[in-house]
Amino acid sequence: MSEKSQTPAACCPPASEQADLRPIEGDEADEELASLSKAIGHPARVKILRVLVRKNVCICGDIVDELPLAQSTVSQHLKVLKDAGLIRGDVDGPRVCYCIEPRALRRLKALVGGL
């Protein structure tokens, strides 16, 4: 990790390992899949997810360094992913540290797998 990065424990609380027993079919599941799909519907957001999975945790500046986009654009994409619940972010002074929300990623995989 770069100097800007921190350990996962310092930035994001531990992820829930509890099994998600919600159905993968039906109206609610379809709405959820559509919402999550919309959140990953931009190549930059897919790249951000890949960066976060690979690095496990990133300060916003680390993510900006990985993409050919302005910091403000990356921040907007991060907001979409966070609003969808796919990532978590904690404020650490002037910095915001992001990490994957594993339960949401598992849920997305289950919903897609249920097609």
N, C-alpha and C. Protein backbone atom coordinates (compact mmCIF):
# COMPACT_ATOMS: atom_id res chain seq x y z
N MET A 1 0.83 -1.18 0.00
CA MET A 1 0.00 0.00 0.00
C MET A 1 0.88 1.24 0.00
N SER A 2 0.38 2.28 -0.59
CA SER A 2 1.15 3.52 -0.61
C SER A 2 1.07 4.19 0.75
N GLU A 3 1.80 5.31 0.87
CA GLU A 3 1.79 6.03 2.13
C GLU A 3 0.38 6.53 2.46
N LYS A 4 -0.43 6.79 1.43
CA LYS A 4 -1.78 7.30 1.66
C LYS A 4 -2.69 6.22 2.23
N SER A 5 -2.37 4.95 1.99
CA SER A 5 -3.24 3.86 2.40
C SER A 5 -3.02 3.50 3.86
N GLN A 6 -4.03 2.82 4.39
CA GLN A 6 -3.97 2.36 5.75
C GLN A 6 -4.34 0.89 5.77
N THR A 7 -4.23 0.28 6.93
CA THR A 7 -4.67 -1.10 7.05
C THR A 7 -6.18 -1.13 7.01
N PRO A 8 -6.77 -2.23 6.54
CA PRO A 8 -8.23 -2.31 6.47
C PRO A 8 -8.89 -2.07 7.82
N ALA A 9 -8.33 -2.58 8.89
CA ALA A 9 -8.94 -2.41 10.20
C ALA A 9 -9.02 -0.94 10.60
N ALA A 10 -8.06 -0.15 10.16
CA ALA A 10 -8.04 1.26 10.51
C ALA A 10 -9.10 2.05 9.75
N CYS A 11 -9.49 1.59 8.58
CA CYS A 11 -10.42 2.34 7.75
C CYS A 11 -11.85 1.83 7.79
N CYS A 12 -12.03 0.57 7.65
CA CYS A 12 -13.37 0.02 7.52
C CYS A 12 -13.62 -1.02 8.60
N PRO A 13 -14.79 -0.98 9.20
CA PRO A 13 -15.10 -2.00 10.20
C PRO A 13 -15.17 -3.37 9.55
N PRO A 14 -15.04 -4.42 10.32
CA PRO A 14 -15.10 -5.77 9.75
C PRO A 14 -16.42 -6.01 9.02
N ALA A 15 -16.33 -6.74 7.93
CA ALA A 15 -17.51 -7.05 7.14
C ALA A 15 -18.31 -8.15 7.81
N SER A 16 -19.61 -8.10 7.62
CA SER A 16 -20.49 -9.14 8.17
C SER A 16 -20.31 -10.42 7.36
N GLU A 17 -20.10 -11.51 8.04
CA GLU A 17 -19.98 -12.81 7.37
C GLU A 17 -21.30 -13.57 7.42
N GLN A 18 -22.33 -12.94 7.96
CA GLN A 18 -23.63 -13.58 8.08
C GLN A 18 -24.19 -13.91 6.69
N ALA A 19 -24.75 -15.10 6.56
CA ALA A 19 -25.33 -15.52 5.29
C ALA A 19 -26.54 -14.65 4.94
N ASP A 20 -26.70 -14.37 3.66
CA ASP A 20 -27.83 -13.60 3.17
C ASP A 20 -28.87 -14.59 2.67
N LEU A 21 -29.97 -14.70 3.37
CA LEU A 21 -30.98 -15.69 3.06
C LEU A 21 -32.15 -15.13 2.26
N ARG A 22 -32.02 -13.90 1.79
CA ARG A 22 -33.10 -13.32 1.00
C ARG A 22 -33.22 -14.05 -0.34
N PRO A 23 -34.43 -14.11 -0.89
CA PRO A 23 -34.62 -14.80 -2.17
C PRO A 23 -33.89 -14.08 -3.31
N ILE A 24 -33.52 -14.87 -4.32
CA ILE A 24 -32.83 -14.30 -5.48
C ILE A 24 -33.77 -14.13 -6.66
N GLU A 25 -35.05 -14.42 -6.44
CA GLU A 25 -36.07 -14.23 -7.46
C GLU A 25 -37.25 -13.50 -6.84
N GLY A 26 -38.04 -12.88 -7.68
CA GLY A 26 -39.21 -12.14 -7.21
C GLY A 26 -39.04 -10.66 -7.45
N ASP A 27 -40.09 -9.91 -7.18
CA ASP A 27 -40.11 -8.48 -7.47
C ASP A 27 -39.02 -7.72 -6.71
N GLU A 28 -38.87 -8.00 -5.42
CA GLU A 28 -37.86 -7.29 -4.62
C GLU A 28 -36.45 -7.61 -5.10
N ALA A 29 -36.19 -8.87 -5.40
CA ALA A 29 -34.87 -9.26 -5.90
C ALA A 29 -34.59 -8.61 -7.25
N ASP A 30 -35.62 -8.55 -8.10
CA ASP A 30 -35.45 -7.92 -9.41
C ASP A 30 -35.13 -6.44 -9.28
N GLU A 31 -35.82 -5.76 -8.36
CA GLU A 31 -35.54 -4.34 -8.11
C GLU A 31 -34.11 -4.15 -7.59
N GLU A 32 -33.71 -5.02 -6.68
CA GLU A 32 -32.36 -4.93 -6.12
C GLU A 32 -31.31 -5.17 -7.19
N LEU A 33 -31.52 -6.18 -8.03
CA LEU A 33 -30.57 -6.46 -9.11
C LEU A 33 -30.48 -5.29 -10.08
N ALA A 34 -31.62 -4.70 -10.41
CA ALA A 34 -31.62 -3.55 -11.32
C ALA A 34 -30.86 -2.38 -10.72
N SER A 35 -31.05 -2.14 -9.43
CA SER A 35 -30.37 -1.04 -8.74
C SER A 35 -28.85 -1.26 -8.69
N LEU A 36 -28.45 -2.47 -8.33
CA LEU A 36 -27.01 -2.78 -8.28
C LEU A 36 -26.40 -2.73 -9.67
N SER A 37 -27.13 -3.22 -10.67
CA SER A 37 -26.64 -3.19 -12.04
C SER A 37 -26.44 -1.76 -12.53
N LYS A 38 -27.35 -0.89 -12.16
CA LYS A 38 -27.22 0.52 -12.53
C LYS A 38 -25.96 1.11 -11.90
N ALA A 39 -25.69 0.72 -10.65
CA ALA A 39 -24.50 1.25 -9.95
C ALA A 39 -23.21 0.80 -10.63
N ILE A 40 -23.18 -0.39 -11.19
CA ILE A 40 -21.95 -0.86 -11.86
C ILE A 40 -22.03 -0.66 -13.37
N GLY A 41 -23.00 0.13 -13.81
CA GLY A 41 -23.24 0.33 -15.23
C GLY A 41 -22.29 1.28 -15.92
N HIS A 42 -21.20 1.65 -15.30
CA HIS A 42 -20.20 2.52 -15.92
C HIS A 42 -18.83 1.85 -15.77
N PRO A 43 -18.05 1.83 -16.85
CA PRO A 43 -16.74 1.16 -16.77
C PRO A 43 -15.83 1.69 -15.66
N ALA A 44 -15.91 2.96 -15.35
CA ALA A 44 -15.06 3.52 -14.29
C ALA A 44 -15.45 2.93 -12.93
N ARG A 45 -16.73 2.70 -12.72
CA ARG A 45 -17.16 2.13 -11.44
C ARG A 45 -16.75 0.66 -11.33
N VAL A 46 -16.78 -0.05 -12.45
CA VAL A 46 -16.29 -1.43 -12.44
C VAL A 46 -14.81 -1.44 -12.11
N LYS A 47 -14.06 -0.53 -12.70
CA LYS A 47 -12.61 -0.43 -12.43
C LYS A 47 -12.37 -0.11 -10.95
N ILE A 48 -13.15 0.80 -10.39
CA ILE A 48 -13.00 1.15 -8.98
C ILE A 48 -13.23 -0.09 -8.11
N LEU A 49 -14.26 -0.87 -8.42
CA LEU A 49 -14.50 -2.09 -7.65
C LEU A 49 -13.32 -3.04 -7.76
N ARG A 50 -12.77 -3.17 -8.96
CA ARG A 50 -11.61 -4.06 -9.15
C ARG A 50 -10.41 -3.57 -8.34
N VAL A 51 -10.19 -2.28 -8.33
CA VAL A 51 -9.08 -1.70 -7.54
C VAL A 51 -9.29 -2.00 -6.06
N LEU A 52 -10.50 -1.79 -5.58
CA LEU A 52 -10.78 -2.02 -4.16
C LEU A 52 -10.67 -3.49 -3.78
N VAL A 53 -11.09 -4.37 -4.65
CA VAL A 53 -10.96 -5.81 -4.38
C VAL A 53 -9.47 -6.18 -4.34
N ARG A 54 -8.72 -5.68 -5.29
CA ARG A 54 -7.29 -6.00 -5.39
C ARG A 54 -6.50 -5.45 -4.21
N LYS A 55 -6.77 -4.21 -3.84
CA LYS A 55 -5.98 -3.56 -2.78
C LYS A 55 -6.59 -3.73 -1.40
N ASN A 56 -7.84 -4.19 -1.34
CA ASN A 56 -8.56 -4.42 -0.10
C ASN A 56 -9.02 -3.13 0.58
N VAL A 57 -8.31 -2.05 0.44
CA VAL A 57 -8.72 -0.77 1.02
C VAL A 57 -7.94 0.34 0.31
N CYS A 58 -8.58 1.48 0.09
CA CYS A 58 -7.90 2.58 -0.59
C CYS A 58 -8.38 3.93 -0.07
N ILE A 59 -7.45 4.84 0.02
CA ILE A 59 -7.79 6.24 0.22
C ILE A 59 -8.18 6.78 -1.16
N CYS A 60 -9.10 7.70 -1.21
CA CYS A 60 -9.59 8.23 -2.48
C CYS A 60 -8.44 8.60 -3.44
N GLY A 61 -7.38 9.20 -2.92
CA GLY A 61 -6.24 9.57 -3.76
C GLY A 61 -5.58 8.38 -4.42
N ASP A 62 -5.56 7.23 -3.74
CA ASP A 62 -5.01 6.01 -4.33
C ASP A 62 -5.84 5.58 -5.53
N ILE A 63 -7.14 5.70 -5.41
CA ILE A 63 -8.04 5.31 -6.49
C ILE A 63 -7.86 6.25 -7.68
N VAL A 64 -7.76 7.53 -7.40
CA VAL A 64 -7.54 8.53 -8.46
C VAL A 64 -6.27 8.21 -9.23
N ASP A 65 -5.22 7.77 -8.51
CA ASP A 65 -3.95 7.42 -9.16
C ASP A 65 -4.10 6.26 -10.13
N GLU A 66 -5.10 5.42 -9.93
CA GLU A 66 -5.31 4.23 -10.76
C GLU A 66 -6.15 4.51 -12.02
N LEU A 67 -6.83 5.64 -12.05
CA LEU A 67 -7.76 5.92 -13.14
C LEU A 67 -7.37 7.18 -13.90
N PRO A 68 -7.70 7.22 -15.18
CA PRO A 68 -7.41 8.43 -15.98
C PRO A 68 -8.54 9.45 -15.87
N LEU A 69 -8.98 9.70 -14.63
CA LEU A 69 -10.10 10.60 -14.41
C LEU A 69 -9.75 11.63 -13.35
N ALA A 70 -10.43 12.75 -13.40
CA ALA A 70 -10.24 13.79 -12.39
C ALA A 70 -10.74 13.31 -11.03
N GLN A 71 -10.18 13.88 -9.98
CA GLN A 71 -10.56 13.49 -8.62
C GLN A 71 -12.06 13.69 -8.40
N SER A 72 -12.61 14.77 -8.91
CA SER A 72 -14.04 15.04 -8.71
C SER A 72 -14.91 13.98 -9.40
N THR A 73 -14.46 13.50 -10.55
CA THR A 73 -15.19 12.46 -11.28
C THR A 73 -15.14 11.14 -10.52
N VAL A 74 -13.95 10.80 -10.02
CA VAL A 74 -13.80 9.58 -9.22
C VAL A 74 -14.68 9.67 -7.98
N SER A 75 -14.70 10.82 -7.33
CA SER A 75 -15.53 11.00 -6.14
C SER A 75 -17.01 10.78 -6.45
N GLN A 76 -17.46 11.25 -7.60
CA GLN A 76 -18.86 11.05 -7.98
C GLN A 76 -19.15 9.56 -8.19
N HIS A 77 -18.23 8.86 -8.85
CA HIS A 77 -18.41 7.41 -9.05
C HIS A 77 -18.40 6.68 -7.71
N LEU A 78 -17.53 7.08 -6.79
CA LEU A 78 -17.49 6.48 -5.47
C LEU A 78 -18.81 6.69 -4.73
N LYS A 79 -19.39 7.86 -4.88
CA LYS A 79 -20.67 8.16 -4.24
C LYS A 79 -21.76 7.22 -4.76
N VAL A 80 -21.80 6.98 -6.06
CA VAL A 80 -22.80 6.08 -6.64
C VAL A 80 -22.63 4.67 -6.06
N LEU A 81 -21.39 4.19 -6.00
CA LEU A 81 -21.12 2.86 -5.47
C LEU A 81 -21.46 2.76 -3.99
N LYS A 82 -21.16 3.82 -3.25
CA LYS A 82 -21.46 3.83 -1.81
C LYS A 82 -22.96 3.88 -1.58
N ASP A 83 -23.68 4.72 -2.33
CA ASP A 83 -25.13 4.81 -2.20
C ASP A 83 -25.80 3.48 -2.51
N ALA A 84 -25.21 2.70 -3.42
CA ALA A 84 -25.75 1.39 -3.78
C ALA A 84 -25.39 0.33 -2.74
N GLY A 85 -24.49 0.67 -1.82
CA GLY A 85 -24.09 -0.27 -0.78
C GLY A 85 -22.98 -1.21 -1.17
N LEU A 86 -22.37 -0.99 -2.34
CA LEU A 86 -21.31 -1.88 -2.80
C LEU A 86 -19.96 -1.60 -2.15
N ILE A 87 -19.78 -0.39 -1.65
CA ILE A 87 -18.55 -0.04 -0.96
C ILE A 87 -18.89 0.68 0.33
N ARG A 88 -17.91 0.74 1.22
CA ARG A 88 -18.02 1.49 2.47
C ARG A 88 -16.94 2.55 2.46
N GLY A 89 -17.17 3.62 3.16
CA GLY A 89 -16.17 4.66 3.26
C GLY A 89 -16.19 5.28 4.64
N ASP A 90 -15.03 5.45 5.20
CA ASP A 90 -14.89 6.09 6.51
C ASP A 90 -14.03 7.33 6.36
N VAL A 91 -14.43 8.39 7.03
CA VAL A 91 -13.65 9.62 7.03
C VAL A 91 -12.54 9.47 8.05
N ASP A 92 -11.32 9.76 7.62
CA ASP A 92 -10.16 9.71 8.50
C ASP A 92 -9.47 11.07 8.38
N GLY A 93 -9.92 12.00 9.20
CA GLY A 93 -9.41 13.37 9.07
C GLY A 93 -9.84 13.95 7.74
N PRO A 94 -8.90 14.47 6.97
CA PRO A 94 -9.26 15.07 5.68
C PRO A 94 -9.42 14.02 4.58
N ARG A 95 -9.13 12.76 4.87
CA ARG A 95 -9.18 11.71 3.85
C ARG A 95 -10.39 10.82 4.04
N VAL A 96 -10.81 10.20 2.93
CA VAL A 96 -11.87 9.20 2.99
C VAL A 96 -11.29 7.90 2.49
N CYS A 97 -11.44 6.86 3.29
CA CYS A 97 -10.92 5.54 3.00
C CYS A 97 -12.08 4.66 2.54
N TYR A 98 -11.91 3.96 1.42
CA TYR A 98 -12.97 3.13 0.86
C TYR A 98 -12.55 1.67 0.86
N CYS A 99 -13.55 0.81 1.01
CA CYS A 99 -13.33 -0.62 0.88
C CYS A 99 -14.61 -1.28 0.36
N ILE A 100 -14.44 -2.46 -0.17
CA ILE A 100 -15.57 -3.24 -0.69
C ILE A 100 -16.49 -3.63 0.45
N GLU A 101 -17.76 -3.69 0.17
CA GLU A 101 -18.74 -4.26 1.09
C GLU A 101 -18.95 -5.70 0.62
N PRO A 102 -18.23 -6.66 1.20
CA PRO A 102 -18.27 -8.04 0.69
C PRO A 102 -19.66 -8.65 0.64
N ARG A 103 -20.49 -8.36 1.61
CA ARG A 103 -21.84 -8.93 1.63
C ARG A 103 -22.64 -8.46 0.42
N ALA A 104 -22.50 -7.19 0.06
CA ALA A 104 -23.22 -6.66 -1.10
C ALA A 104 -22.68 -7.26 -2.39
N LEU A 105 -21.38 -7.46 -2.46
CA LEU A 105 -20.80 -8.07 -3.65
C LEU A 105 -21.26 -9.53 -3.79
N ARG A 106 -21.32 -10.24 -2.67
CA ARG A 106 -21.84 -11.62 -2.69
C ARG A 106 -23.30 -11.64 -3.14
N ARG A 107 -24.06 -10.66 -2.66
CA ARG A 107 -25.48 -10.56 -3.03
C ARG A 107 -25.63 -10.31 -4.52
N LEU A 108 -24.82 -9.39 -5.06
CA LEU A 108 -24.87 -9.12 -6.50
C LEU A 108 -24.56 -10.38 -7.29
N LYS A 109 -23.53 -11.11 -6.87
CA LYS A 109 -23.18 -12.35 -7.57
C LYS A 109 -24.34 -13.36 -7.51
N ALA A 110 -24.99 -13.46 -6.36
CA ALA A 110 -26.11 -14.40 -6.22
C ALA A 110 -27.28 -13.99 -7.11
N LEU A 111 -27.57 -12.69 -7.15
CA LEU A 111 -28.67 -12.21 -7.98
C LEU A 111 -28.41 -12.44 -9.46
N VAL A 112 -27.19 -12.17 -9.89
CA VAL A 112 -26.84 -12.41 -11.29
C VAL A 112 -26.87 -13.91 -11.59
N GLY A 113 -26.36 -14.70 -10.65
CA GLY A 113 -26.36 -16.15 -10.82
C GLY A 113 -27.77 -16.73 -10.88
N GLY A 114 -28.74 -16.03 -10.33
CA GLY A 114 -30.13 -16.49 -10.34
C GLY A 114 -30.88 -16.19 -11.61
N LEU A 115 -30.22 -15.54 -12.56
CA LEU A 115 -30.90 -15.23 -13.84
C LEU A 115 -31.11 -16.48 -14.67
